[in-house]
C-alpha atoms as a PDB file:
ATOM      1  CA  MET A   1       7.164 -18.100 -23.877  1.00  0.00           C
ATOM      2  CA  GLU A   2       8.486 -17.852 -20.341  1.00  0.00           C
ATOM      3  CA  TYR A   3      12.008 -18.631 -21.546  1.00  0.00           C
ATOM      4  CA  PHE A   4      11.727 -15.891 -24.182  1.00  0.00           C
ATOM      5  CA  LEU A   5      10.676 -13.348 -21.570  1.00  0.00           C
ATOM      6  CA  ARG A   6      13.434 -14.349 -19.149  1.00  0.00           C
ATOM      7  CA  VAL A   7      16.109 -14.111 -21.849  1.00  0.00           C
ATOM      8  CA  ASN A   8      14.866 -10.685 -22.898  1.00  0.00           C
ATOM      9  CA  MET A   9      14.731  -9.519 -19.310  1.00  0.00           C
ATOM     10  CA  ILE A  10      18.338 -10.538 -18.708  1.00  0.00           C
ATOM     11  CA  GLY A  11      20.036  -9.763 -22.011  1.00  0.00           C
ATOM     12  CA  GLY A  12      17.729  -7.248 -23.613  1.00  0.00           C
ATOM     13  CA  ILE A  13      17.296  -5.020 -20.595  1.00  0.00           C
ATOM     14  CA  ALA A  14      21.047  -4.989 -19.953  1.00  0.00           C
ATOM     15  CA  LEU A  15      21.639  -3.940 -23.547  1.00  0.00           C
ATOM     16  CA  LEU A  16      19.009  -1.213 -23.331  1.00  0.00           C
ATOM     17  CA  GLU A  17      20.412   0.068 -20.046  1.00  0.00           C
ATOM     18  CA  ALA A  18      23.918   0.271 -21.514  1.00  0.00           C
ATOM     19  CA  ALA A  19      22.646   2.173 -24.548  1.00  0.00           C
ATOM     20  CA  ALA A  20      20.576   4.510 -22.373  1.00  0.00           C
ATOM     21  CA  ASP A  21      23.554   5.166 -20.088  1.00  0.00           C
ATOM     22  CA  ARG A  22      25.659   6.130 -23.081  1.00  0.00           C
ATOM     23  CA  ILE A  23      22.971   8.468 -24.421  1.00  0.00           C
ATOM     24  CA  ILE A  24      22.474  10.016 -20.981  1.00  0.00           C
ATOM     25  CA  GLU A  25      26.212  10.601 -20.588  1.00  0.00           C
ATOM     26  CA  GLU A  26      26.384  12.292 -23.997  1.00  0.00           C
ATOM     27  CA  CYS A  27      23.364  14.477 -23.247  1.00  0.00           C
ATOM     28  CA  LYS A  28      24.666  15.530 -19.841  1.00  0.00           C
ATOM     29  CA  ALA A  29      28.094  16.276 -21.307  1.00  0.00           C
ATOM     30  CA  ASP A  30      26.484  18.419 -24.001  1.00  0.00           C
ATOM     31  CA  ALA A  31      24.093  20.246 -21.648  1.00  0.00           C
ATOM     32  CA  PRO A  32      26.562  22.948 -20.472  1.00  0.00           C
ATOM     33  CA  ASN A  33      27.090  23.983 -24.096  1.00  0.00           C
ATOM     34  CA  GLU A  34      23.363  24.506 -24.675  1.00  0.00           C
ATOM     35  CA  THR A  35      21.041  27.329 -23.653  1.00  0.00           C
ATOM     36  CA  GLY A  36      17.368  27.573 -22.772  1.00  0.00           C
ATOM     37  CA  TRP A  37      15.109  24.599 -23.403  1.00  0.00           C
ATOM     38  CA  CYS A  38      17.904  22.532 -24.982  1.00  0.00           C
ATOM     39  CA  LYS A  39      19.942  22.774 -21.776  1.00  0.00           C
ATOM     40  CA  ILE A  40      16.987  21.615 -19.672  1.00  0.00           C
ATOM     41  CA  ARG A  41      16.186  18.870 -22.174  1.00  0.00           C
ATOM     42  CA  ASP A  42      19.735  17.519 -22.225  1.00  0.00           C
ATOM     43  CA  ALA A  43      20.286  17.793 -18.470  1.00  0.00           C
ATOM     44  CA  PHE A  44      16.941  16.528 -17.149  1.00  0.00           C
ATOM     45  CA  VAL A  45      14.226  15.542 -19.640  1.00  0.00           C
ATOM     46  CA  VAL A  46      16.074  13.017 -21.810  1.00  0.00           C
ATOM     47  CA  PRO A  47      17.759  11.220 -18.881  1.00  0.00           C
ATOM     48  CA  ALA A  48      14.500  11.058 -16.913  1.00  0.00           C
ATOM     49  CA  ALA A  49      12.507   9.848 -19.920  1.00  0.00           C
ATOM     50  CA  LEU A  50      14.993   7.072 -20.680  1.00  0.00           C
ATOM     51  CA  ASN A  51      15.234   5.916 -17.064  1.00  0.00           C
ATOM     52  CA  ILE A  52      11.452   5.932 -16.611  1.00  0.00           C
ATOM     53  CA  GLY A  53      10.933   4.113 -19.913  1.00  0.00           C
ATOM     54  CA  ILE A  54      13.365   1.365 -18.971  1.00  0.00           C
ATOM     55  CA  TYR A  55      11.780   1.025 -15.531  1.00  0.00           C
ATOM     56  CA  ILE A  56       8.309   0.670 -17.063  1.00  0.00           C
ATOM     57  CA  LEU A  57       9.597  -1.910 -19.545  1.00  0.00           C
ATOM     58  CA  LYS A  58      11.146  -3.928 -16.693  1.00  0.00           C
ATOM     59  CA  VAL A  59       7.890  -3.875 -14.731  1.00  0.00           C
ATOM     60  CA  VAL A  60       5.836  -4.937 -17.754  1.00  0.00           C
ATOM     61  CA  LEU A  61       8.212  -7.802 -18.599  1.00  0.00           C
ATOM     62  CA  GLU A  62       8.309  -8.980 -14.972  1.00  0.00           C
ATOM     63  CA  LYS A  63       4.518  -9.010 -14.765  1.00  0.00           C
ATOM     64  CA  ALA A  64       4.241 -10.777 -18.113  1.00  0.00           C
ATOM     65  CA  ALA A  65       6.759 -13.407 -17.005  1.00  0.00           C
ATOM     66  CA  ALA A  66       4.860 -13.904 -13.741  1.00  0.00           C
ATOM     67  CA  GLU A  67       1.590 -14.500 -15.600  1.00  0.00           C
ATOM     68  CA  VAL A  68       3.044 -17.086 -17.971  1.00  0.00           C
END
């Protein structure tokens, strides 16, 4: 189980971070073309939500690996 968690922390998190970075770049590039809520969403909400989600996932996996 510990090996599984370590592999996911190394490979899986890196893959998720790369995908999130690509999505964030696309959203931020599209934000100037939007107006109102969509502009705020693309510039701030989506990037913050993805970064916070990945951070929480890292913390949970690190704590789970420490308990095993």
